């Protein structure tokens, strides 16, 4: 299966690069690269400077957003462009279970959909399966100036799956925990203290 890790976020609300945030004594990028190494992930960066910095440190495949300064939709576009059918995971979601990723890929392929998106409190578009068939519509959306990935998804064959269906792989659904604020970092540290190492 193909997996893309989106690390481009600046983390304006938290005041630092999201990939550099530390929890459990490790940076988020370290957690993601180590956890998903068996999937030979592609790491999607926002620009060459970010890519070059991390390429010196990690032995992984790195690519840049094709459309710069356009947010998460540009990262998803680049992930699909370079990977084809794939699962996208944001670097600020450090507790994603590998079995959840595998299930999303397998189910997306089985359903032959353009996108398979879990719906937790809202649509979790940064932990989702995307087909190569979605690429053209997402690119058209970007060219029209649409910054929300839900815009092209509304015109594609998108399947929304209730997060409850993923509890068999992630009992507490901590896969959907993401870090946006200093308070989230504190919560993540609390989760670390209650979670075994293999859960990360």
N, C-alpha and C. Protein backbone atom coordinates (compact mmCIF):
# COMPACT_ATOMS: atom_id res chain seq x y z
N UNK A 1 0.83 -1.19 0.00
CA UNK A 1 0.00 0.00 0.00
C UNK A 1 0.87 1.25 0.00
N UNK A 2 0.30 2.36 -0.43
CA UNK A 2 1.01 3.63 -0.49
C UNK A 2 0.52 4.54 0.63
N UNK A 3 1.47 5.25 1.23
CA UNK A 3 1.15 6.16 2.31
C UNK A 3 1.92 7.47 2.12
N UNK A 4 1.24 8.58 2.35
CA UNK A 4 1.87 9.90 2.29
C UNK A 4 1.70 10.61 3.62
N UNK A 5 2.78 11.16 4.14
CA UNK A 5 2.75 11.92 5.39
C UNK A 5 2.87 13.40 5.04
N UNK A 6 1.86 14.17 5.41
CA UNK A 6 1.87 15.61 5.14
C UNK A 6 2.53 16.33 6.31
N UNK A 7 3.65 17.03 6.06
CA UNK A 7 4.35 17.71 7.15
C UNK A 7 4.44 19.22 6.94
N UNK A 8 3.75 19.72 5.91
CA UNK A 8 3.96 21.11 5.50
C UNK A 8 3.50 22.20 6.43
N UNK A 9 2.63 21.89 7.40
CA UNK A 9 2.01 22.94 8.21
C UNK A 9 2.97 23.80 9.00
N UNK A 10 2.70 25.10 9.01
CA UNK A 10 3.52 26.04 9.77
C UNK A 10 3.17 26.06 11.25
N UNK A 11 1.96 25.64 11.61
CA UNK A 11 1.57 25.64 13.01
C UNK A 11 1.47 27.03 13.60
N UNK A 12 0.74 27.91 12.93
CA UNK A 12 0.66 29.31 13.37
C UNK A 12 0.08 29.44 14.78
N UNK A 13 -0.90 28.61 15.10
CA UNK A 13 -1.53 28.71 16.42
C UNK A 13 -0.62 28.22 17.54
N UNK A 14 0.36 27.41 17.15
CA UNK A 14 1.25 26.86 18.18
C UNK A 14 2.61 27.52 18.17
N UNK A 15 2.86 28.33 17.15
CA UNK A 15 4.08 29.12 17.11
C UNK A 15 5.33 28.41 16.67
N UNK A 16 5.19 27.26 15.99
CA UNK A 16 6.36 26.53 15.49
C UNK A 16 5.95 25.54 14.43
N UNK A 17 6.94 25.01 13.73
CA UNK A 17 6.68 23.97 12.73
C UNK A 17 6.00 22.79 13.41
N UNK A 18 4.90 22.32 12.84
CA UNK A 18 4.23 21.18 13.47
C UNK A 18 5.12 19.95 13.52
N UNK A 19 5.90 19.74 12.48
CA UNK A 19 6.76 18.55 12.43
C UNK A 19 7.82 18.57 13.53
N UNK A 20 8.10 19.76 14.11
CA UNK A 20 9.12 19.90 15.14
C UNK A 20 8.57 19.82 16.56
N UNK A 21 7.26 19.77 16.69
CA UNK A 21 6.65 19.65 18.02
C UNK A 21 7.13 18.35 18.67
N UNK A 22 7.45 18.42 19.95
CA UNK A 22 7.93 17.25 20.68
C UNK A 22 6.87 16.73 21.64
N UNK A 23 6.61 15.43 21.54
CA UNK A 23 5.80 14.74 22.55
C UNK A 23 6.50 13.41 22.82
N UNK A 24 6.33 12.89 23.99
CA UNK A 24 6.94 11.61 24.34
C UNK A 24 8.45 11.64 24.11
N UNK A 25 9.05 12.84 24.15
CA UNK A 25 10.47 12.97 23.97
C UNK A 25 10.95 12.92 22.53
N UNK A 26 10.00 12.90 21.59
CA UNK A 26 10.38 12.83 20.18
C UNK A 26 9.60 13.84 19.36
N UNK A 27 10.18 14.28 18.26
CA UNK A 27 9.48 15.18 17.36
C UNK A 27 8.42 14.41 16.58
N UNK A 28 7.37 15.12 16.18
CA UNK A 28 6.28 14.47 15.44
C UNK A 28 6.77 13.82 14.16
N UNK A 29 7.70 14.44 13.47
CA UNK A 29 8.21 13.83 12.24
C UNK A 29 8.95 12.53 12.54
N UNK A 30 9.67 12.48 13.64
CA UNK A 30 10.36 11.23 14.01
C UNK A 30 9.35 10.12 14.28
N UNK A 31 8.30 10.45 15.01
CA UNK A 31 7.27 9.46 15.33
C UNK A 31 6.65 8.91 14.05
N UNK A 32 6.30 9.81 13.13
CA UNK A 32 5.62 9.39 11.89
C UNK A 32 6.53 8.55 11.00
N UNK A 33 7.76 9.01 10.79
CA UNK A 33 8.68 8.28 9.91
C UNK A 33 8.98 6.89 10.45
N UNK A 34 9.21 6.81 11.77
CA UNK A 34 9.51 5.51 12.38
C UNK A 34 8.30 4.58 12.33
N UNK A 35 7.14 5.11 12.67
CA UNK A 35 5.94 4.28 12.73
C UNK A 35 5.57 3.68 11.38
N UNK A 36 5.67 4.51 10.33
CA UNK A 36 5.17 4.08 9.02
C UNK A 36 6.26 3.62 8.06
N UNK A 37 7.47 3.37 8.56
CA UNK A 37 8.58 3.04 7.67
C UNK A 37 8.32 1.78 6.85
N UNK A 38 7.55 0.84 7.38
CA UNK A 38 7.29 -0.40 6.63
C UNK A 38 6.44 -0.15 5.39
N UNK A 39 5.75 1.00 5.34
CA UNK A 39 4.92 1.34 4.19
C UNK A 39 5.69 2.14 3.14
N UNK A 40 6.99 2.37 3.39
CA UNK A 40 7.81 3.15 2.46
C UNK A 40 7.11 4.47 2.12
N UNK A 41 6.87 5.31 3.12
CA UNK A 41 6.04 6.50 2.90
C UNK A 41 6.72 7.58 2.06
N UNK A 42 5.89 8.36 1.40
CA UNK A 42 6.33 9.59 0.75
C UNK A 42 6.02 10.72 1.72
N UNK A 43 7.01 11.59 1.96
CA UNK A 43 6.82 12.70 2.89
C UNK A 43 6.62 13.97 2.07
N UNK A 44 5.47 14.60 2.24
CA UNK A 44 5.09 15.76 1.44
C UNK A 44 5.41 17.04 2.20
N UNK A 45 6.31 17.84 1.64
CA UNK A 45 6.76 19.09 2.25
C UNK A 45 6.14 20.28 1.52
N UNK A 46 6.14 21.43 2.19
CA UNK A 46 5.52 22.60 1.56
C UNK A 46 6.44 23.27 0.54
N UNK A 47 7.78 23.10 0.71
CA UNK A 47 8.71 23.75 -0.22
C UNK A 47 10.06 23.04 -0.17
N UNK A 48 10.98 23.47 -1.04
CA UNK A 48 12.29 22.84 -1.14
C UNK A 48 13.11 23.00 0.14
N UNK A 49 12.99 24.16 0.80
CA UNK A 49 13.77 24.40 2.02
C UNK A 49 13.41 23.39 3.10
N UNK A 50 12.12 23.15 3.28
CA UNK A 50 11.69 22.17 4.26
C UNK A 50 12.15 20.77 3.85
N UNK A 51 12.01 20.46 2.57
CA UNK A 51 12.41 19.15 2.07
C UNK A 51 13.90 18.89 2.27
N UNK A 52 14.72 19.86 1.92
CA UNK A 52 16.17 19.69 2.02
C UNK A 52 16.61 19.51 3.47
N UNK A 53 15.95 20.25 4.37
CA UNK A 53 16.31 20.14 5.79
C UNK A 53 16.09 18.73 6.31
N UNK A 54 14.94 18.15 5.99
CA UNK A 54 14.64 16.82 6.52
C UNK A 54 15.28 15.70 5.71
N UNK A 55 15.52 15.92 4.43
CA UNK A 55 16.16 14.89 3.61
C UNK A 55 17.58 14.60 4.08
N UNK A 56 18.21 15.58 4.73
CA UNK A 56 19.55 15.36 5.28
C UNK A 56 19.50 14.46 6.52
N UNK A 57 18.33 14.40 7.14
CA UNK A 57 18.20 13.66 8.40
C UNK A 57 17.56 12.29 8.25
N UNK A 58 16.61 12.18 7.34
CA UNK A 58 15.85 10.93 7.21
C UNK A 58 16.06 10.28 5.85
N UNK A 59 16.18 8.97 5.86
CA UNK A 59 16.25 8.22 4.61
C UNK A 59 14.83 7.87 4.20
N UNK A 60 14.23 8.74 3.44
CA UNK A 60 12.84 8.56 3.00
C UNK A 60 12.65 9.30 1.69
N UNK A 61 11.49 9.09 1.08
CA UNK A 61 11.16 9.78 -0.17
C UNK A 61 10.48 11.10 0.18
N UNK A 62 11.00 12.20 -0.35
CA UNK A 62 10.44 13.52 -0.08
C UNK A 62 9.98 14.16 -1.38
N UNK A 63 8.83 14.84 -1.33
CA UNK A 63 8.34 15.63 -2.46
C UNK A 63 7.82 16.95 -1.91
N UNK A 64 7.62 17.91 -2.80
CA UNK A 64 7.11 19.22 -2.41
C UNK A 64 5.71 19.44 -2.97
N UNK A 65 4.97 20.33 -2.33
CA UNK A 65 3.69 20.76 -2.88
C UNK A 65 3.92 21.34 -4.27
N UNK A 66 3.08 20.95 -5.20
CA UNK A 66 3.13 21.52 -6.55
C UNK A 66 2.60 22.95 -6.50
N UNK A 67 1.51 23.14 -5.75
CA UNK A 67 0.91 24.47 -5.58
C UNK A 67 1.31 25.00 -4.21
N UNK A 68 2.07 26.08 -4.20
CA UNK A 68 2.63 26.59 -2.95
C UNK A 68 1.65 27.50 -2.21
N UNK A 69 1.80 27.51 -0.90
CA UNK A 69 1.00 28.37 -0.02
C UNK A 69 -0.50 28.17 -0.22
N UNK A 70 -0.90 26.91 -0.39
CA UNK A 70 -2.32 26.64 -0.62
C UNK A 70 -2.91 25.69 0.42
N UNK A 71 -2.13 25.38 1.45
CA UNK A 71 -2.68 24.60 2.55
C UNK A 71 -2.78 23.11 2.30
N UNK A 72 -3.61 22.47 3.10
CA UNK A 72 -3.69 21.01 3.11
C UNK A 72 -4.15 20.42 1.78
N UNK A 73 -5.02 21.13 1.07
CA UNK A 73 -5.50 20.60 -0.21
C UNK A 73 -4.33 20.42 -1.18
N UNK A 74 -3.34 21.32 -1.11
CA UNK A 74 -2.17 21.20 -1.98
C UNK A 74 -1.32 19.99 -1.58
N UNK A 75 -1.24 19.73 -0.27
CA UNK A 75 -0.51 18.56 0.19
C UNK A 75 -1.16 17.27 -0.27
N UNK A 76 -2.48 17.22 -0.18
CA UNK A 76 -3.22 16.04 -0.64
C UNK A 76 -3.02 15.85 -2.14
N UNK A 77 -3.09 16.95 -2.89
CA UNK A 77 -2.87 16.89 -4.33
C UNK A 77 -1.49 16.31 -4.65
N UNK A 78 -0.45 16.79 -3.98
CA UNK A 78 0.90 16.30 -4.24
C UNK A 78 1.06 14.84 -3.83
N UNK A 79 0.39 14.46 -2.74
CA UNK A 79 0.44 13.06 -2.30
C UNK A 79 -0.10 12.13 -3.38
N UNK A 80 -1.26 12.48 -3.91
CA UNK A 80 -1.88 11.64 -4.95
C UNK A 80 -1.05 11.66 -6.22
N UNK A 81 -0.55 12.84 -6.57
CA UNK A 81 0.24 12.98 -7.80
C UNK A 81 1.47 12.07 -7.77
N UNK A 82 2.10 11.96 -6.61
CA UNK A 82 3.33 11.17 -6.51
C UNK A 82 3.10 9.72 -6.13
N UNK A 83 1.99 9.42 -5.47
CA UNK A 83 1.74 8.06 -4.97
C UNK A 83 0.68 7.30 -5.75
N UNK A 84 -0.23 8.02 -6.41
CA UNK A 84 -1.40 7.34 -6.94
C UNK A 84 -2.35 7.04 -5.81
N UNK A 85 -3.00 5.88 -5.84
CA UNK A 85 -3.90 5.50 -4.75
C UNK A 85 -3.10 5.46 -3.44
N UNK A 86 -3.58 6.15 -2.41
CA UNK A 86 -2.81 6.19 -1.17
C UNK A 86 -3.68 6.62 0.01
N UNK A 87 -3.13 6.40 1.19
CA UNK A 87 -3.71 6.97 2.41
C UNK A 87 -2.85 8.17 2.79
N UNK A 88 -3.51 9.25 3.13
CA UNK A 88 -2.84 10.47 3.58
C UNK A 88 -2.96 10.56 5.10
N UNK A 89 -1.84 10.88 5.75
CA UNK A 89 -1.81 11.07 7.21
C UNK A 89 -1.10 12.38 7.51
N UNK A 90 -1.69 13.22 8.34
CA UNK A 90 -1.04 14.47 8.74
C UNK A 90 -0.06 14.21 9.87
N UNK A 91 1.08 14.90 9.84
CA UNK A 91 2.11 14.68 10.85
C UNK A 91 1.64 15.07 12.24
N UNK A 92 0.62 15.94 12.34
CA UNK A 92 0.15 16.37 13.67
C UNK A 92 -0.87 15.42 14.27
N UNK A 93 -0.96 14.19 13.71
CA UNK A 93 -1.83 13.15 14.26
C UNK A 93 -0.93 12.00 14.72
N UNK A 94 -0.29 12.15 15.88
CA UNK A 94 0.77 11.20 16.28
C UNK A 94 0.30 9.84 16.78
N UNK A 95 -1.00 9.68 17.01
CA UNK A 95 -1.47 8.42 17.58
C UNK A 95 -2.21 7.54 16.58
N UNK A 96 -2.05 7.82 15.30
CA UNK A 96 -2.72 7.02 14.27
C UNK A 96 -2.23 5.57 14.35
N UNK A 97 -3.17 4.65 14.38
CA UNK A 97 -2.83 3.23 14.42
C UNK A 97 -2.56 2.73 13.00
N UNK A 98 -1.53 1.91 12.87
CA UNK A 98 -1.19 1.39 11.55
C UNK A 98 -2.32 0.55 10.96
N UNK A 99 -3.03 -0.15 11.80
CA UNK A 99 -4.12 -1.00 11.29
C UNK A 99 -5.26 -0.15 10.73
N UNK A 100 -5.46 1.05 11.28
CA UNK A 100 -6.47 1.97 10.73
C UNK A 100 -6.07 2.38 9.32
N UNK A 101 -4.79 2.71 9.14
CA UNK A 101 -4.28 3.09 7.83
C UNK A 101 -4.48 1.96 6.82
N UNK A 102 -4.11 0.75 7.23
CA UNK A 102 -4.26 -0.40 6.34
C UNK A 102 -5.71 -0.63 5.96
N UNK A 103 -6.60 -0.51 6.95
CA UNK A 103 -8.02 -0.71 6.68
C UNK A 103 -8.55 0.32 5.68
N UNK A 104 -8.19 1.58 5.87
CA UNK A 104 -8.67 2.63 4.96
C UNK A 104 -8.22 2.36 3.53
N UNK A 105 -6.97 1.93 3.37
CA UNK A 105 -6.48 1.63 2.02
C UNK A 105 -7.24 0.45 1.43
N UNK A 106 -7.33 -0.61 2.20
CA UNK A 106 -8.00 -1.82 1.69
C UNK A 106 -9.47 -1.56 1.37
N UNK A 107 -10.15 -0.83 2.24
CA UNK A 107 -11.58 -0.55 2.03
C UNK A 107 -11.77 0.40 0.86
N UNK A 108 -10.91 1.40 0.74
CA UNK A 108 -11.01 2.32 -0.38
C UNK A 108 -10.86 1.61 -1.71
N UNK A 109 -9.90 0.70 -1.78
CA UNK A 109 -9.70 -0.07 -3.00
C UNK A 109 -10.89 -0.99 -3.27
N UNK A 110 -11.38 -1.61 -2.21
CA UNK A 110 -12.51 -2.53 -2.35
C UNK A 110 -13.75 -1.82 -2.88
N UNK A 111 -13.98 -0.59 -2.40
CA UNK A 111 -15.17 0.16 -2.80
C UNK A 111 -15.00 0.88 -4.14
N UNK A 112 -13.77 0.90 -4.64
CA UNK A 112 -13.48 1.61 -5.91
C UNK A 112 -13.99 3.05 -5.87
N UNK A 113 -13.80 3.70 -4.72
CA UNK A 113 -14.25 5.09 -4.58
C UNK A 113 -13.09 6.04 -4.87
N UNK A 114 -13.43 7.31 -5.08
CA UNK A 114 -12.40 8.32 -5.30
C UNK A 114 -11.75 8.74 -3.99
N UNK A 115 -12.52 8.66 -2.91
CA UNK A 115 -12.00 8.98 -1.58
C UNK A 115 -12.82 8.25 -0.54
N UNK A 116 -12.14 7.78 0.50
CA UNK A 116 -12.81 7.16 1.65
C UNK A 116 -12.37 7.96 2.88
N UNK A 117 -13.33 8.66 3.47
CA UNK A 117 -13.02 9.62 4.53
C UNK A 117 -13.76 9.24 5.81
N UNK A 118 -13.04 8.99 6.91
CA UNK A 118 -13.72 8.73 8.18
C UNK A 118 -14.44 10.01 8.65
N UNK A 119 -15.57 9.80 9.27
CA UNK A 119 -16.29 10.93 9.86
C UNK A 119 -16.32 10.72 11.37
N UNK A 120 -15.56 11.55 12.08
CA UNK A 120 -15.51 11.48 13.54
C UNK A 120 -16.39 12.61 14.06
N UNK A 121 -15.83 13.65 14.65
CA UNK A 121 -16.64 14.82 14.97
C UNK A 121 -16.95 15.59 13.70
N UNK A 122 -16.08 15.43 12.73
CA UNK A 122 -16.25 16.02 11.40
C UNK A 122 -15.50 15.14 10.42
N UNK A 123 -15.52 15.48 9.16
CA UNK A 123 -14.83 14.68 8.15
C UNK A 123 -13.32 14.77 8.36
N UNK A 124 -12.69 13.63 8.54
CA UNK A 124 -11.25 13.56 8.82
C UNK A 124 -10.48 13.40 7.51
N UNK A 125 -10.40 14.49 6.76
CA UNK A 125 -9.80 14.43 5.42
C UNK A 125 -8.29 14.28 5.44
N UNK A 126 -7.66 14.47 6.61
CA UNK A 126 -6.21 14.31 6.71
C UNK A 126 -5.81 12.96 7.30
N UNK A 127 -6.77 12.06 7.38
CA UNK A 127 -6.52 10.64 7.65
C UNK A 127 -7.53 9.90 6.79
N UNK A 128 -7.21 9.75 5.52
CA UNK A 128 -8.20 9.27 4.56
C UNK A 128 -7.52 8.62 3.36
N UNK A 129 -8.30 7.83 2.65
CA UNK A 129 -7.83 7.21 1.40
C UNK A 129 -8.24 8.07 0.21
N UNK A 130 -7.31 8.23 -0.72
CA UNK A 130 -7.60 8.95 -1.96
C UNK A 130 -7.16 8.12 -3.15
N UNK A 131 -8.00 8.06 -4.16
CA UNK A 131 -7.68 7.37 -5.40
C UNK A 131 -7.01 8.32 -6.38
N UNK A 132 -6.21 7.77 -7.26
CA UNK A 132 -5.61 8.59 -8.32
C UNK A 132 -6.67 9.25 -9.18
N UNK A 133 -7.88 8.67 -9.20
CA UNK A 133 -8.98 9.24 -9.98
C UNK A 133 -9.41 10.61 -9.45
N UNK A 134 -9.04 10.91 -8.20
CA UNK A 134 -9.45 12.19 -7.60
C UNK A 134 -8.53 13.34 -8.00
N UNK A 135 -7.38 13.02 -8.58
CA UNK A 135 -6.35 14.03 -8.81
C UNK A 135 -6.83 15.19 -9.68
N UNK A 136 -7.44 14.89 -10.81
CA UNK A 136 -7.82 15.95 -11.76
C UNK A 136 -8.81 16.92 -11.13
N UNK A 137 -9.81 16.40 -10.42
CA UNK A 137 -10.82 17.27 -9.81
C UNK A 137 -10.22 18.13 -8.71
N UNK A 138 -9.30 17.56 -7.93
CA UNK A 138 -8.64 18.34 -6.89
C UNK A 138 -7.79 19.44 -7.51
N UNK A 139 -7.10 19.11 -8.58
CA UNK A 139 -6.28 20.12 -9.26
C UNK A 139 -7.15 21.23 -9.84
N UNK A 140 -8.26 20.86 -10.45
CA UNK A 140 -9.19 21.87 -10.97
C UNK A 140 -9.71 22.76 -9.86
N UNK A 141 -9.97 22.17 -8.71
CA UNK A 141 -10.47 22.91 -7.56
C UNK A 141 -9.44 23.95 -7.10
N UNK A 142 -8.18 23.54 -7.03
CA UNK A 142 -7.11 24.46 -6.63
C UNK A 142 -7.01 25.61 -7.63
N UNK A 143 -7.08 25.29 -8.90
CA UNK A 143 -6.97 26.32 -9.93
C UNK A 143 -8.13 27.32 -9.87
N UNK A 144 -9.26 26.85 -9.33
CA UNK A 144 -10.39 27.76 -9.16
C UNK A 144 -10.27 28.58 -7.87
N UNK A 145 -9.26 28.29 -7.09
CA UNK A 145 -9.05 29.03 -5.85
C UNK A 145 -9.74 28.43 -4.65
N UNK A 146 -10.27 27.21 -4.78
CA UNK A 146 -10.93 26.55 -3.65
C UNK A 146 -9.88 25.96 -2.73
N UNK A 147 -9.94 26.30 -1.46
CA UNK A 147 -8.94 25.84 -0.50
C UNK A 147 -9.43 24.70 0.38
N UNK A 148 -10.69 24.37 0.31
CA UNK A 148 -11.25 23.31 1.14
C UNK A 148 -11.30 22.01 0.35
N UNK A 149 -10.68 20.95 0.86
CA UNK A 149 -10.69 19.67 0.15
C UNK A 149 -12.10 19.12 0.02
N UNK A 150 -13.00 19.55 0.92
CA UNK A 150 -14.38 19.07 0.83
C UNK A 150 -15.08 19.57 -0.43
N UNK A 151 -14.59 20.66 -1.02
CA UNK A 151 -15.21 21.16 -2.26
C UNK A 151 -15.05 20.15 -3.39
N UNK A 152 -13.84 19.74 -3.75
CA UNK A 152 -13.75 18.72 -4.80
C UNK A 152 -14.33 17.38 -4.37
N UNK A 153 -14.23 17.04 -3.10
CA UNK A 153 -14.79 15.76 -2.64
C UNK A 153 -16.29 15.70 -2.86
N UNK A 154 -16.95 16.85 -2.80
CA UNK A 154 -18.41 16.88 -3.01
C UNK A 154 -18.77 16.56 -4.46
N UNK A 155 -17.81 16.68 -5.36
CA UNK A 155 -18.06 16.39 -6.77
C UNK A 155 -17.49 15.05 -7.20
N UNK A 156 -16.86 14.37 -6.28
CA UNK A 156 -16.26 13.07 -6.57
C UNK A 156 -17.06 11.94 -5.92
N UNK A 157 -16.69 10.72 -6.24
CA UNK A 157 -17.31 9.56 -5.60
C UNK A 157 -16.64 9.37 -4.24
N UNK A 158 -17.15 10.09 -3.26
CA UNK A 158 -16.57 10.07 -1.91
C UNK A 158 -17.46 9.26 -0.98
N UNK A 159 -16.85 8.37 -0.24
CA UNK A 159 -17.57 7.57 0.76
C UNK A 159 -17.12 8.04 2.14
N UNK A 160 -18.07 8.40 2.98
CA UNK A 160 -17.78 8.78 4.36
C UNK A 160 -18.10 7.58 5.25
N UNK A 161 -17.11 7.18 6.03
CA UNK A 161 -17.29 6.02 6.89
C UNK A 161 -17.34 6.47 8.35
N UNK A 162 -18.33 6.02 9.12
CA UNK A 162 -18.40 6.42 10.53
C UNK A 162 -17.15 5.96 11.28
N UNK A 163 -16.58 6.83 12.07
CA UNK A 163 -15.39 6.48 12.84
C UNK A 163 -15.64 5.28 13.75
N UNK A 164 -16.88 5.10 14.15
CA UNK A 164 -17.22 3.97 15.03
C UNK A 164 -16.79 2.65 14.41
N UNK A 165 -16.79 2.57 13.09
CA UNK A 165 -16.40 1.33 12.43
C UNK A 165 -14.91 1.02 12.61
N UNK A 166 -14.16 2.01 13.07
CA UNK A 166 -12.72 1.82 13.24
C UNK A 166 -12.34 1.44 14.66
N UNK A 167 -13.32 1.38 15.56
CA UNK A 167 -13.01 1.04 16.95
C UNK A 167 -12.42 -0.37 17.08
N UNK A 168 -12.69 -1.24 16.12
CA UNK A 168 -12.12 -2.59 16.19
C UNK A 168 -10.60 -2.56 16.04
N UNK A 169 -10.07 -1.44 15.49
CA UNK A 169 -8.63 -1.28 15.36
C UNK A 169 -8.08 -0.25 16.34
N UNK A 170 -8.94 0.59 16.85
CA UNK A 170 -8.52 1.71 17.70
C UNK A 170 -9.65 1.98 18.69
N UNK A 171 -9.60 1.27 19.80
CA UNK A 171 -10.71 1.27 20.76
C UNK A 171 -11.09 2.67 21.22
N UNK A 172 -10.10 3.53 21.47
CA UNK A 172 -10.37 4.88 21.97
C UNK A 172 -10.44 5.92 20.86
N UNK A 173 -10.24 5.50 19.62
CA UNK A 173 -10.24 6.41 18.46
C UNK A 173 -9.22 7.54 18.63
N UNK A 174 -8.08 7.21 19.25
CA UNK A 174 -7.06 8.25 19.40
C UNK A 174 -6.33 8.55 18.10
N UNK A 175 -6.59 7.75 17.08
CA UNK A 175 -6.01 8.05 15.76
C UNK A 175 -6.41 9.44 15.29
N UNK A 176 -7.56 9.92 15.75
CA UNK A 176 -8.08 11.20 15.26
C UNK A 176 -7.64 12.40 16.11
N UNK A 177 -6.82 12.14 17.12
CA UNK A 177 -6.31 13.24 17.93
C UNK A 177 -5.25 13.99 17.13
N UNK A 178 -5.44 15.30 16.98
CA UNK A 178 -4.42 16.09 16.29
C UNK A 178 -4.01 17.28 17.14
N UNK A 179 -2.83 17.80 16.85
CA UNK A 179 -2.22 18.85 17.66
C UNK A 179 -2.26 20.18 16.92
N UNK A 180 -2.99 21.15 17.49
CA UNK A 180 -3.09 22.48 16.89
C UNK A 180 -2.71 23.60 17.85
N UNK A 181 -2.75 23.32 19.14
CA UNK A 181 -2.53 24.37 20.15
C UNK A 181 -1.60 23.86 21.24
N UNK A 182 -1.05 24.76 22.06
CA UNK A 182 -0.24 24.32 23.20
C UNK A 182 -1.01 23.39 24.14
N UNK A 183 -2.30 23.63 24.27
CA UNK A 183 -3.13 22.76 25.12
C UNK A 183 -3.17 21.34 24.56
N UNK A 184 -3.19 21.23 23.23
CA UNK A 184 -3.19 19.91 22.60
C UNK A 184 -1.87 19.18 22.87
N UNK A 185 -0.78 19.92 22.93
CA UNK A 185 0.51 19.30 23.25
C UNK A 185 0.47 18.69 24.65
N UNK A 186 -0.10 19.42 25.59
CA UNK A 186 -0.22 18.91 26.96
C UNK A 186 -1.10 17.66 27.00
N UNK A 187 -2.19 17.68 26.23
CA UNK A 187 -3.08 16.50 26.18
C UNK A 187 -2.34 15.32 25.56
N UNK A 188 -1.53 15.60 24.53
CA UNK A 188 -0.76 14.54 23.88
C UNK A 188 0.22 13.91 24.86
N UNK A 189 0.85 14.73 25.69
CA UNK A 189 1.78 14.20 26.70
C UNK A 189 1.04 13.32 27.70
N UNK A 190 -0.17 13.71 28.05
CA UNK A 190 -0.97 12.89 28.96
C UNK A 190 -1.29 11.55 28.31
N UNK A 191 -1.64 11.59 27.02
CA UNK A 191 -1.92 10.35 26.30
C UNK A 191 -0.68 9.47 26.25
N UNK A 192 0.48 10.09 26.07
CA UNK A 192 1.73 9.33 26.05
C UNK A 192 1.93 8.57 27.35
N UNK A 193 1.65 9.23 28.44
CA UNK A 193 1.88 8.62 29.75
C UNK A 193 0.94 7.45 30.01
N UNK A 194 -0.20 7.42 29.28
CA UNK A 194 -1.16 6.33 29.47
C UNK A 194 -1.12 5.31 28.35
N UNK A 195 -0.23 5.52 27.39
CA UNK A 195 -0.24 4.68 26.19
C UNK A 195 1.09 3.94 26.06
N UNK A 196 1.03 2.68 25.72
CA UNK A 196 2.24 1.90 25.52
C UNK A 196 2.98 2.41 24.29
N UNK A 197 4.27 2.20 24.25
CA UNK A 197 5.10 2.70 23.15
C UNK A 197 4.57 2.24 21.80
N UNK A 198 4.11 0.98 21.70
CA UNK A 198 3.68 0.48 20.41
C UNK A 198 2.39 1.16 19.91
N UNK A 199 1.73 1.90 20.78
CA UNK A 199 0.52 2.59 20.37
C UNK A 199 0.84 3.82 19.53
N UNK A 200 2.07 4.35 19.63
CA UNK A 200 2.43 5.58 18.91
C UNK A 200 2.70 5.29 17.45
